[in-house]
Amino acid sequence: MIRATRTLAILAATVACPALALAGGPTATAGAVPATQYAPPASSPDLIFSVRGGVAVNPEYFGSDDYAVGPDFSLGFGFLRLPGGRTFGSPDPFYEPSGFGLRGAFGYVGERNAADYPELTGLNTVDASVELGLGIGYQSRYFDAYADARYGVIGHHAWVGELGADVKAHPTDKLTLSIGPRLTLGSNKYASTYFGVSPAESAASGGALAAYDASGGVVSAGVELGAKYRINENWGVEGAVTYDRFTGDAADSPIVQQGTKDQYGVRIGLTRRITLDF
């Protein structure tokens, strides 16, 4: 049985912001570890990125009051050297970027098969979806914000957006805590795919799920509490607890009404900084 889990992996590729390192040297920010504590490698890297792998607990499908454990994965950009010497980011593992920049956005929604959930009997299967897109973000030592737009290139073939912001605190040099609001928006097709019930599906359910035409808009609103702990320059631990509440047409959907509007999530994983020299 394939459980429906939802994870978001962000590749924060900074393209144009004050933190851009065009001359190759790291730029120190207020409160950051001084650049003098970082010794560049003898052979300059061409690409540095981080990978997070771990586990996540999420509702089995949108609106479910049952939960499943699944994988959690994300990528983070650190440094890129292009032919000709132009560089983006910083090779300093303790560097803290600041300013505005472009972001790559990735989302995954697992398959929803009514055969796995008796309460959804009659609904058509919704295939697993892969969402790709771009966004713009702002980063600083004490505040982050972003706006992403993704399209389901596989699966739902619809648009979904996400807005978020975080206030950050640094109890120690290695620990960062964050908390902030989240807002998810979806197109009419997105809402129809995950929250709509066609007349044929309603009939197949024996009337247990009333026919419902869901329109797009604000799908959910919530909050995320996160923590990051840097073990050393290459390894770290990240985790987060999330709460979302469906709103509008999503909240009124028979699929959500038979489950719950309140959706919780937990994720935790190890991060590894990877350096490549081409």
C-alpha atoms as a PDB file:
ATOM      1  CA  MET A   1       0.000   0.000   0.000  1.00  0.00           C
ATOM      2  CA  ILE A   2       1.332   3.407  -0.978  1.00  0.00           C
ATOM      3  CA  ARG A   3       0.633   5.972   1.714  1.00  0.00           C
ATOM      4  CA  ALA A   4      -0.052   9.575   0.773  1.00  0.00           C
ATOM      5  CA  THR A   5       2.672  11.687   2.308  1.00  0.00           C
ATOM      6  CA  ARG A   6       3.555  15.259   1.498  1.00  0.00           C
ATOM      7  CA  THR A   7       7.064  16.635   1.789  1.00  0.00           C
ATOM      8  CA  LEU A   8       8.525  19.838   0.479  1.00  0.00           C
ATOM      9  CA  ALA A   9      12.147  19.983  -0.645  1.00  0.00           C
ATOM     10  CA  ILE A  10      13.563  23.427  -1.326  1.00  0.00           C
ATOM     11  CA  LEU A  11      16.674  24.121  -3.386  1.00  0.00           C
ATOM     12  CA  ALA A  12      17.474  27.666  -2.300  1.00  0.00           C
ATOM     13  CA  ALA A  13      19.523  28.843  -5.271  1.00  0.00           C
ATOM     14  CA  THR A  14      20.493  32.441  -4.582  1.00  0.00           C
ATOM     15  CA  VAL A  15      20.785  34.227  -7.911  1.00  0.00           C
ATOM     16  CA  ALA A  16      20.692  37.933  -7.168  1.00  0.00           C
ATOM     17  CA  CYS A  17      20.988  39.310  -3.663  1.00  0.00           C
ATOM     18  CA  PRO A  18      23.402  41.388  -1.564  1.00  0.00           C
ATOM     19  CA  ALA A  19      24.972  38.200  -0.259  1.00  0.00           C
ATOM     20  CA  LEU A  20      26.245  37.221  -3.704  1.00  0.00           C
ATOM     21  CA  ALA A  21      29.971  36.468  -3.605  1.00  0.00           C
ATOM     22  CA  LEU A  22      31.150  37.621  -7.030  1.00  0.00           C
ATOM     23  CA  ALA A  23      34.787  37.962  -6.051  1.00  0.00           C
ATOM     24  CA  GLY A  24      35.050  34.554  -4.480  1.00  0.00           C
ATOM     25  CA  GLY A  25      35.502  35.679  -0.854  1.00  0.00           C
ATOM     26  CA  PRO A  26      32.880  35.057   1.866  1.00  0.00           C
ATOM     27  CA  THR A  27      30.979  38.030   3.193  1.00  0.00           C
ATOM     28  CA  ALA A  28      30.520  38.105   6.977  1.00  0.00           C
ATOM     29  CA  THR A  29      27.075  39.033   8.302  1.00  0.00           C
ATOM     30  CA  ALA A  30      26.149  40.411  11.689  1.00  0.00           C
ATOM     31  CA  GLY A  31      26.365  37.696  14.306  1.00  0.00           C
ATOM     32  CA  ALA A  32      27.889  35.152  11.942  1.00  0.00           C
ATOM     33  CA  VAL A  33      31.026  33.197  12.707  1.00  0.00           C
ATOM     34  CA  PRO A  34      33.937  35.415  11.584  1.00  0.00           C
ATOM     35  CA  ALA A  35      35.342  34.535   8.179  1.00  0.00           C
ATOM     36  CA  THR A  36      38.816  34.270   9.682  1.00  0.00           C
ATOM     37  CA  GLN A  37      37.720  31.006  11.330  1.00  0.00           C
ATOM     38  CA  TYR A  38      37.230  29.426   7.918  1.00  0.00           C
ATOM     39  CA  ALA A  39      40.263  28.098   6.060  1.00  0.00           C
ATOM     40  CA  PRO A  40      39.509  27.610   2.322  1.00  0.00           C
ATOM     41  CA  PRO A  41      40.580  24.247   0.890  1.00  0.00           C
ATOM     42  CA  ALA A  42      43.755  24.117  -1.151  1.00  0.00           C
ATOM     43  CA  SER A  43      41.687  23.100  -4.201  1.00  0.00           C
ATOM     44  CA  SER A  44      38.739  25.475  -4.615  1.00  0.00           C
ATOM     45  CA  PRO A  45      35.372  23.677  -4.950  1.00  0.00           C
ATOM     46  CA  ASP A  46      33.054  24.127  -7.939  1.00  0.00           C
ATOM     47  CA  LEU A  47      29.798  23.105  -6.255  1.00  0.00           C
ATOM     48  CA  ILE A  48      28.669  22.834  -2.648  1.00  0.00           C
ATOM     49  CA  PHE A  49      25.210  21.707  -1.621  1.00  0.00           C
ATOM     50  CA  SER A  50      23.558  20.051   1.339  1.00  0.00           C
ATOM     51  CA  VAL A  51      21.279  17.024   1.486  1.00  0.00           C
ATOM     52  CA  ARG A  52      18.778  16.246   4.222  1.00  0.00           C
ATOM     53  CA  GLY A  53      17.430  12.735   4.648  1.00  0.00           C
ATOM     54  CA  GLY A  54      15.124  11.509   7.361  1.00  0.00           C
ATOM     55  CA  VAL A  55      11.578  10.515   8.216  1.00  0.00           C
ATOM     56  CA  ALA A  56       8.291  12.396   8.313  1.00  0.00           C
ATOM     57  CA  VAL A  57       4.885  11.727   9.817  1.00  0.00           C
ATOM     58  CA  ASN A  58       1.974  13.210   7.844  1.00  0.00           C
ATOM     59  CA  PRO A  59      -1.747  12.581   7.250  1.00  0.00           C
ATOM     60  CA  GLU A  60      -2.315   9.650   4.898  1.00  0.00           C
ATOM     61  CA  TYR A  61      -4.121  11.975   2.464  1.00  0.00           C
ATOM     62  CA  PHE A  62      -5.412  15.556   2.519  1.00  0.00           C
ATOM     63  CA  GLY A  63      -8.156  15.566   5.149  1.00  0.00           C
ATOM     64  CA  SER A  64      -7.272  12.240   6.744  1.00  0.00           C
ATOM     65  CA  ASP A  65      -7.316  11.831  10.507  1.00  0.00           C
ATOM     66  CA  ASP A  66      -4.927   8.873  10.239  1.00  0.00           C
ATOM     67  CA  TYR A  67      -1.162   9.288   9.923  1.00  0.00           C
ATOM     68  CA  ALA A  68       1.646   7.440   8.165  1.00  0.00           C
ATOM     69  CA  VAL A  69       5.434   7.459   8.356  1.00  0.00           C
ATOM     70  CA  GLY A  70       7.360   8.171   5.166  1.00  0.00           C
ATOM     71  CA  PRO A  71      10.694   9.475   3.890  1.00  0.00           C
ATOM     72  CA  ASP A  72      11.718  13.128   4.086  1.00  0.00           C
ATOM     73  CA  PHE A  73      14.253  14.665   1.698  1.00  0.00           C
ATOM     74  CA  SER A  74      15.515  18.097   0.731  1.00  0.00           C
ATOM     75  CA  LEU A  75      18.373  19.847  -1.061  1.00  0.00           C
ATOM     76  CA  GLY A  76      20.046  23.136  -0.163  1.00  0.00           C
ATOM     77  CA  PHE A  77      22.364  25.252  -2.311  1.00  0.00           C
ATOM     78  CA  GLY A  78      25.638  26.523  -0.879  1.00  0.00           C
ATOM     79  CA  PHE A  79      28.164  27.558  -3.525  1.00  0.00           C
ATOM     80  CA  LEU A  80      28.636  27.458  -7.313  1.00  0.00           C
ATOM     81  CA  ARG A  81      31.668  28.380  -9.418  1.00  0.00           C
ATOM     82  CA  LEU A  82      30.962  28.905 -13.122  1.00  0.00           C
ATOM     83  CA  PRO A  83      33.523  28.725 -15.930  1.00  0.00           C
ATOM     84  CA  GLY A  84      35.349  32.037 -15.996  1.00  0.00           C
ATOM     85  CA  GLY A  85      35.497  32.319 -12.224  1.00  0.00           C
ATOM     86  CA  ARG A  86      32.064  33.849 -11.488  1.00  0.00           C
ATOM     87  CA  THR A  87      30.781  32.538  -8.164  1.00  0.00           C
ATOM     88  CA  PHE A  88      27.468  32.408  -6.311  1.00  0.00           C
ATOM     89  CA  GLY A  89      27.062  31.804  -2.601  1.00  0.00           C
ATOM     90  CA  SER A  90      30.033  31.074  -0.379  1.00  0.00           C
ATOM     91  CA  PRO A  91      32.273  28.031   0.273  1.00  0.00           C
ATOM     92  CA  ASP A  92      32.353  28.967   3.982  1.00  0.00           C
ATOM     93  CA  PRO A  93      30.263  26.344   5.844  1.00  0.00           C
ATOM     94  CA  PHE A  94      29.411  28.939   8.511  1.00  0.00           C
ATOM     95  CA  TYR A  95      28.323  31.627   6.045  1.00  0.00           C
ATOM     96  CA  GLU A  96      24.850  33.131   6.615  1.00  0.00           C
ATOM     97  CA  PRO A  97      23.273  34.468   3.387  1.00  0.00           C
ATOM     98  CA  SER A  98      21.180  37.620   3.454  1.00  0.00           C
ATOM     99  CA  GLY A  99      18.957  39.504   1.039  1.00  0.00           C
ATOM    100  CA  PHE A 100      16.630  38.472  -1.776  1.00  0.00           C
ATOM    101  CA  GLY A 101      17.153  35.554  -4.141  1.00  0.00           C
ATOM    102  CA  LEU A 102      15.480  33.029  -6.427  1.00  0.00           C
ATOM    103  CA  ARG A 103      14.515  29.603  -5.099  1.00  0.00           C
ATOM    104  CA  GLY A 104      13.842  26.309  -6.775  1.00  0.00           C
ATOM    105  CA  ALA A 105      10.733  24.568  -5.403  1.00  0.00           C
ATOM    106  CA  PHE A 106       9.846  20.867  -5.366  1.00  0.00           C
ATOM    107  CA  GLY A 107       6.819  19.092  -3.969  1.00  0.00           C
ATOM    108  CA  TYR A 108       5.552  15.527  -3.857  1.00  0.00           C
ATOM    109  CA  VAL A 109       2.072  14.211  -3.079  1.00  0.00           C
ATOM    110  CA  GLY A 110       1.633  10.464  -2.791  1.00  0.00           C
ATOM    111  CA  GLU A 111      -1.053   8.427  -4.530  1.00  0.00           C
ATOM    112  CA  ARG A 112      -4.558   8.403  -3.055  1.00  0.00           C
ATOM    113  CA  ASN A 113      -6.261   5.079  -3.786  1.00  0.00           C
ATOM    114  CA  ALA A 114      -9.754   4.525  -2.409  1.00  0.00           C
ATOM    115  CA  ALA A 115      -8.976   0.815  -2.140  1.00  0.00           C
ATOM    116  CA  ASP A 116      -6.613   1.706   0.719  1.00  0.00           C
ATOM    117  CA  TYR A 117      -9.173   3.820   2.595  1.00  0.00           C
ATOM    118  CA  PRO A 118     -12.702   2.413   3.084  1.00  0.00           C
ATOM    119  CA  GLU A 119     -14.047   5.870   3.951  1.00  0.00           C
ATOM    120  CA  LEU A 120     -13.155   7.009   0.404  1.00  0.00           C
ATOM    121  CA  THR A 121     -14.962   4.176  -1.388  1.00  0.00           C
ATOM    122  CA  GLY A 122     -16.202   5.384  -4.769  1.00  0.00           C
ATOM    123  CA  LEU A 123     -13.524   8.022  -5.354  1.00  0.00           C
ATOM    124  CA  ASN A 124     -11.262   7.711  -8.358  1.00  0.00           C
ATOM    125  CA  THR A 125      -7.579   7.062  -7.753  1.00  0.00           C
ATOM    126  CA  VAL A 126      -5.413  10.191  -7.706  1.00  0.00           C
ATOM    127  CA  ASP A 127      -1.953   9.386  -9.016  1.00  0.00           C
ATOM    128  CA  ALA A 128       1.221  10.446  -7.208  1.00  0.00           C
ATOM    129  CA  SER A 129       2.229  13.961  -8.223  1.00  0.00           C
ATOM    130  CA  VAL A 130       5.585  15.668  -8.655  1.00  0.00           C
ATOM    131  CA  GLU A 131       5.533  19.471  -8.455  1.00  0.00           C
ATOM    132  CA  LEU A 132       8.294  21.693  -9.812  1.00  0.00           C
ATOM    133  CA  GLY A 133       8.561  25.450  -9.703  1.00  0.00           C
ATOM    134  CA  LEU A 134      10.332  28.613  -8.648  1.00  0.00           C
ATOM    135  CA  GLY A 135       9.996  31.203  -5.950  1.00  0.00           C
ATOM    136  CA  ILE A 136      11.548  34.258  -4.411  1.00  0.00           C
ATOM    137  CA  GLY A 137      12.896  34.391  -0.889  1.00  0.00           C
ATOM    138  CA  TYR A 138      14.430  36.762   1.610  1.00  0.00           C
ATOM    139  CA  GLN A 139      16.994  35.617   4.171  1.00  0.00           C
ATOM    140  CA  SER A 140      18.598  37.318   7.169  1.00  0.00           C
ATOM    141  CA  ARG A 141      19.950  36.225  10.517  1.00  0.00           C
ATOM    142  CA  TYR A 142      16.672  36.808  12.347  1.00  0.00           C
ATOM    143  CA  PHE A 143      13.989  36.690   9.643  1.00  0.00           C
ATOM    144  CA  ASP A 144      13.223  34.641   6.510  1.00  0.00           C
ATOM    145  CA  ALA A 145      10.315  34.847   4.046  1.00  0.00           C
ATOM    146  CA  TYR A 146       9.427  33.154   0.757  1.00  0.00           C
ATOM    147  CA  ALA A 147       6.778  32.811  -1.943  1.00  0.00           C
ATOM    148  CA  ASP A 148       6.811  29.718  -4.182  1.00  0.00           C
ATOM    149  CA  ALA A 149       4.755  28.602  -7.191  1.00  0.00           C
ATOM    150  CA  ARG A 150       4.816  24.963  -8.317  1.00  0.00           C
ATOM    151  CA  TYR A 151       3.163  23.043 -11.173  1.00  0.00           C
ATOM    152  CA  GLY A 152       2.295  19.349 -11.115  1.00  0.00           C
ATOM    153  CA  VAL A 153       4.426  18.132 -14.023  1.00  0.00           C
ATOM    154  CA  ILE A 154       3.434  14.565 -13.104  1.00  0.00           C
ATOM    155  CA  GLY A 155       0.071  13.764 -11.591  1.00  0.00           C
ATOM    156  CA  HIS A 156      -2.427  16.560 -10.940  1.00  0.00           C
ATOM    157  CA  HIS A 157      -1.161  19.000 -13.654  1.00  0.00           C
ATOM    158  CA  ALA A 158      -2.333  21.979 -11.621  1.00  0.00           C
ATOM    159  CA  TRP A 159      -0.823  25.030  -9.911  1.00  0.00           C
ATOM    160  CA  VAL A 160      -0.108  25.274  -6.191  1.00  0.00           C
ATOM    161  CA  GLY A 161       1.536  28.107  -4.283  1.00  0.00           C
ATOM    162  CA  GLU A 162       3.043  28.485  -0.843  1.00  0.00           C
ATOM    163  CA  LEU A 163       3.802  31.561   1.264  1.00  0.00           C
ATOM    164  CA  GLY A 164       5.827  31.465   4.450  1.00  0.00           C
ATOM    165  CA  ALA A 165       7.861  33.528   6.896  1.00  0.00           C
ATOM    166  CA  ASP A 166       9.963  32.730   9.955  1.00  0.00           C
ATOM    167  CA  VAL A 167      11.291  34.608  12.949  1.00  0.00           C
ATOM    168  CA  LYS A 168      14.579  33.018  14.033  1.00  0.00           C
ATOM    169  CA  ALA A 169      16.479  32.818  17.314  1.00  0.00           C
ATOM    170  CA  HIS A 170      20.008  31.554  18.017  1.00  0.00           C
ATOM    171  CA  PRO A 171      20.277  30.259  21.608  1.00  0.00           C
ATOM    172  CA  THR A 172      23.799  29.013  20.834  1.00  0.00           C
ATOM    173  CA  ASP A 173      26.234  29.288  17.935  1.00  0.00           C
ATOM    174  CA  LYS A 174      25.123  25.839  16.741  1.00  0.00           C
ATOM    175  CA  LEU A 175      21.371  25.934  17.382  1.00  0.00           C
ATOM    176  CA  THR A 176      18.783  27.885  15.373  1.00  0.00           C
ATOM    177  CA  LEU A 177      15.080  27.938  16.266  1.00  0.00           C
ATOM    178  CA  SER A 178      12.382  29.290  13.953  1.00  0.00           C
ATOM    179  CA  ILE A 179       8.625  29.797  13.938  1.00  0.00           C
ATOM    180  CA  GLY A 180       6.300  31.330  11.401  1.00  0.00           C
ATOM    181  CA  PRO A 181       3.057  31.160   9.406  1.00  0.00           C
ATOM    182  CA  ARG A 182       2.384  29.106   6.277  1.00  0.00           C
ATOM    183  CA  LEU A 183      -0.264  29.596   3.593  1.00  0.00           C
ATOM    184  CA  THR A 184      -1.077  27.173   0.759  1.00  0.00           C
ATOM    185  CA  LEU A 185      -3.001  28.210  -2.355  1.00  0.00           C
ATOM    186  CA  GLY A 186      -4.274  26.041  -5.191  1.00  0.00           C
ATOM    187  CA  SER A 187      -5.859  26.470  -8.605  1.00  0.00           C
ATOM    188  CA  ASN A 188      -9.383  25.250  -9.422  1.00  0.00           C
ATOM    189  CA  LYS A 189      -7.953  22.055 -10.894  1.00  0.00           C
ATOM    190  CA  TYR A 190      -5.822  21.443  -7.804  1.00  0.00           C
ATOM    191  CA  ALA A 191      -8.837  21.899  -5.505  1.00  0.00           C
ATOM    192  CA  SER A 192     -11.001  19.704  -7.712  1.00  0.00           C
ATOM    193  CA  THR A 193      -8.393  16.939  -7.757  1.00  0.00           C
ATOM    194  CA  TYR A 194      -7.947  16.631  -3.997  1.00  0.00           C
ATOM    195  CA  PHE A 195     -11.205  17.989  -2.563  1.00  0.00           C
ATOM    196  CA  GLY A 196     -13.870  17.593  -5.243  1.00  0.00           C
ATOM    197  CA  VAL A 197     -16.381  14.737  -5.585  1.00  0.00           C
ATOM    198  CA  SER A 198     -18.002  14.175  -8.992  1.00  0.00           C
ATOM    199  CA  PRO A 199     -21.647  13.017  -9.294  1.00  0.00           C
ATOM    200  CA  ALA A 200     -20.390   9.636 -10.554  1.00  0.00           C
ATOM    201  CA  GLU A 201     -18.057   9.271  -7.563  1.00  0.00           C
ATOM    202  CA  SER A 202     -20.854  10.239  -5.186  1.00  0.00           C
ATOM    203  CA  ALA A 203     -23.106   7.576  -6.711  1.00  0.00           C
ATOM    204  CA  ALA A 204     -20.297   5.004  -6.459  1.00  0.00           C
ATOM    205  CA  SER A 205     -19.906   5.820  -2.785  1.00  0.00           C
ATOM    206  CA  GLY A 206     -23.555   5.020  -2.206  1.00  0.00           C
ATOM    207  CA  GLY A 207     -24.204   8.630  -1.240  1.00  0.00           C
ATOM    208  CA  ALA A 208     -21.708   8.516   1.640  1.00  0.00           C
ATOM    209  CA  LEU A 209     -19.783  11.328  -0.076  1.00  0.00           C
ATOM    210  CA  ALA A 210     -21.999  14.048  -1.541  1.00  0.00           C
ATOM    211  CA  ALA A 211     -21.188  15.491  -4.949  1.00  0.00           C
ATOM    212  CA  TYR A 212     -19.031  18.578  -4.465  1.00  0.00           C
ATOM    213  CA  ASP A 213     -17.416  21.099  -6.839  1.00  0.00           C
ATOM    214  CA  ALA A 214     -14.349  22.551  -5.124  1.00  0.00           C
ATOM    215  CA  SER A 215     -12.913  25.862  -6.318  1.00  0.00           C
ATOM    216  CA  GLY A 216      -9.370  27.105  -5.902  1.00  0.00           C
ATOM    217  CA  GLY A 217      -8.053  29.767  -3.573  1.00  0.00           C
ATOM    218  CA  VAL A 218      -6.516  29.568  -0.123  1.00  0.00           C
ATOM    219  CA  VAL A 219      -6.399  25.836   0.659  1.00  0.00           C
ATOM    220  CA  SER A 220      -4.876  25.905   4.137  1.00  0.00           C
ATOM    221  CA  ALA A 221      -3.245  28.155   6.721  1.00  0.00           C
ATOM    222  CA  GLY A 222      -0.923  27.070   9.482  1.00  0.00           C
ATOM    223  CA  VAL A 223       2.332  27.449  11.340  1.00  0.00           C
ATOM    224  CA  GLU A 224       5.711  25.699  11.425  1.00  0.00           C
ATOM    225  CA  LEU A 225       8.118  25.392  14.358  1.00  0.00           C
ATOM    226  CA  GLY A 226      11.610  24.348  13.278  1.00  0.00           C
ATOM    227  CA  ALA A 227      15.032  23.656  14.747  1.00  0.00           C
ATOM    228  CA  LYS A 228      18.478  23.234  13.210  1.00  0.00           C
ATOM    229  CA  TYR A 229      21.570  22.019  15.048  1.00  0.00           C
ATOM    230  CA  ARG A 230      25.011  22.178  13.427  1.00  0.00           C
ATOM    231  CA  ILE A 231      27.152  19.272  14.628  1.00  0.00           C
ATOM    232  CA  ASN A 232      30.188  20.407  12.645  1.00  0.00           C
ATOM    233  CA  GLU A 233      30.903  22.053   9.292  1.00  0.00           C
ATOM    234  CA  ASN A 234      29.585  19.039   7.355  1.00  0.00           C
ATOM    235  CA  TRP A 235      26.890  17.443   9.516  1.00  0.00           C
ATOM    236  CA  GLY A 236      23.737  18.706  11.168  1.00  0.00           C
ATOM    237  CA  VAL A 237      20.272  17.764  12.402  1.00  0.00           C
ATOM    238  CA  GLU A 238      17.042  19.443  11.315  1.00  0.00           C
ATOM    239  CA  GLY A 239      13.474  18.959  12.463  1.00  0.00           C
ATOM    240  CA  ALA A 240      10.092  20.656  12.366  1.00  0.00           C
ATOM    241  CA  VAL A 241       6.552  20.382  13.689  1.00  0.00           C
ATOM    242  CA  THR A 242       3.762  21.701  11.458  1.00  0.00           C
ATOM    243  CA  TYR A 243       0.093  22.508  11.873  1.00  0.00           C
ATOM    244  CA  ASP A 244      -2.270  23.350   9.002  1.00  0.00           C
ATOM    245  CA  ARG A 245      -6.016  23.938   8.922  1.00  0.00           C
ATOM    246  CA  PHE A 246      -7.987  23.643   5.696  1.00  0.00           C
ATOM    247  CA  THR A 247      -9.985  26.720   4.726  1.00  0.00           C
ATOM    248  CA  GLY A 248     -12.608  27.697   2.146  1.00  0.00           C
ATOM    249  CA  ASP A 249     -13.796  25.043  -0.273  1.00  0.00           C
ATOM    250  CA  ALA A 250     -11.143  22.605   0.942  1.00  0.00           C
ATOM    251  CA  ALA A 251     -12.519  22.750   4.497  1.00  0.00           C
ATOM    252  CA  ASP A 252     -16.100  22.188   3.256  1.00  0.00           C
ATOM    253  CA  SER A 253     -15.181  19.187   1.098  1.00  0.00           C
ATOM    254  CA  PRO A 254     -16.971  15.918   2.037  1.00  0.00           C
ATOM    255  CA  ILE A 255     -13.531  14.284   1.947  1.00  0.00           C
ATOM    256  CA  VAL A 256     -12.304  16.590   4.700  1.00  0.00           C
ATOM    257  CA  GLN A 257     -15.626  16.603   6.567  1.00  0.00           C
ATOM    258  CA  GLN A 258     -15.476  12.832   7.118  1.00  0.00           C
ATOM    259  CA  GLY A 259     -11.885  13.252   8.360  1.00  0.00           C
ATOM    260  CA  THR A 260     -10.555  16.457   9.910  1.00  0.00           C
ATOM    261  CA  LYS A 261      -9.686  20.033   8.940  1.00  0.00           C
ATOM    262  CA  ASP A 262      -6.668  19.992  11.249  1.00  0.00           C
ATOM    263  CA  GLN A 263      -3.513  18.487   9.800  1.00  0.00           C
ATOM    264  CA  TYR A 264      -0.306  17.903  11.786  1.00  0.00           C
ATOM    265  CA  GLY A 265       3.146  16.881  10.653  1.00  0.00           C
ATOM    266  CA  VAL A 266       6.549  16.058  12.119  1.00  0.00           C
ATOM    267  CA  ARG A 267       9.851  15.587  10.332  1.00  0.00           C
ATOM    268  CA  ILE A 268      13.449  15.029  11.416  1.00  0.00           C
ATOM    269  CA  GLY A 269      16.589  14.240   9.497  1.00  0.00           C
ATOM    270  CA  LEU A 270      20.345  14.453   9.185  1.00  0.00           C
ATOM    271  CA  THR A 271      21.955  17.018   6.900  1.00  0.00           C
ATOM    272  CA  ARG A 272      25.229  16.470   5.044  1.00  0.00           C
ATOM    273  CA  ARG A 273      27.254  19.145   3.276  1.00  0.00           C
ATOM    274  CA  ILE A 274      28.717  17.838   0.010  1.00  0.00           C
ATOM    275  CA  THR A 275      31.619  19.491  -1.836  1.00  0.00           C
ATOM    276  CA  LEU A 276      32.413  18.690  -5.473  1.00  0.00           C
ATOM    277  CA  ASP A 277      35.494  19.793  -7.408  1.00  0.00           C
ATOM    278  CA  PHE A 278      35.248  19.397 -11.169  1.00  0.00           C
END
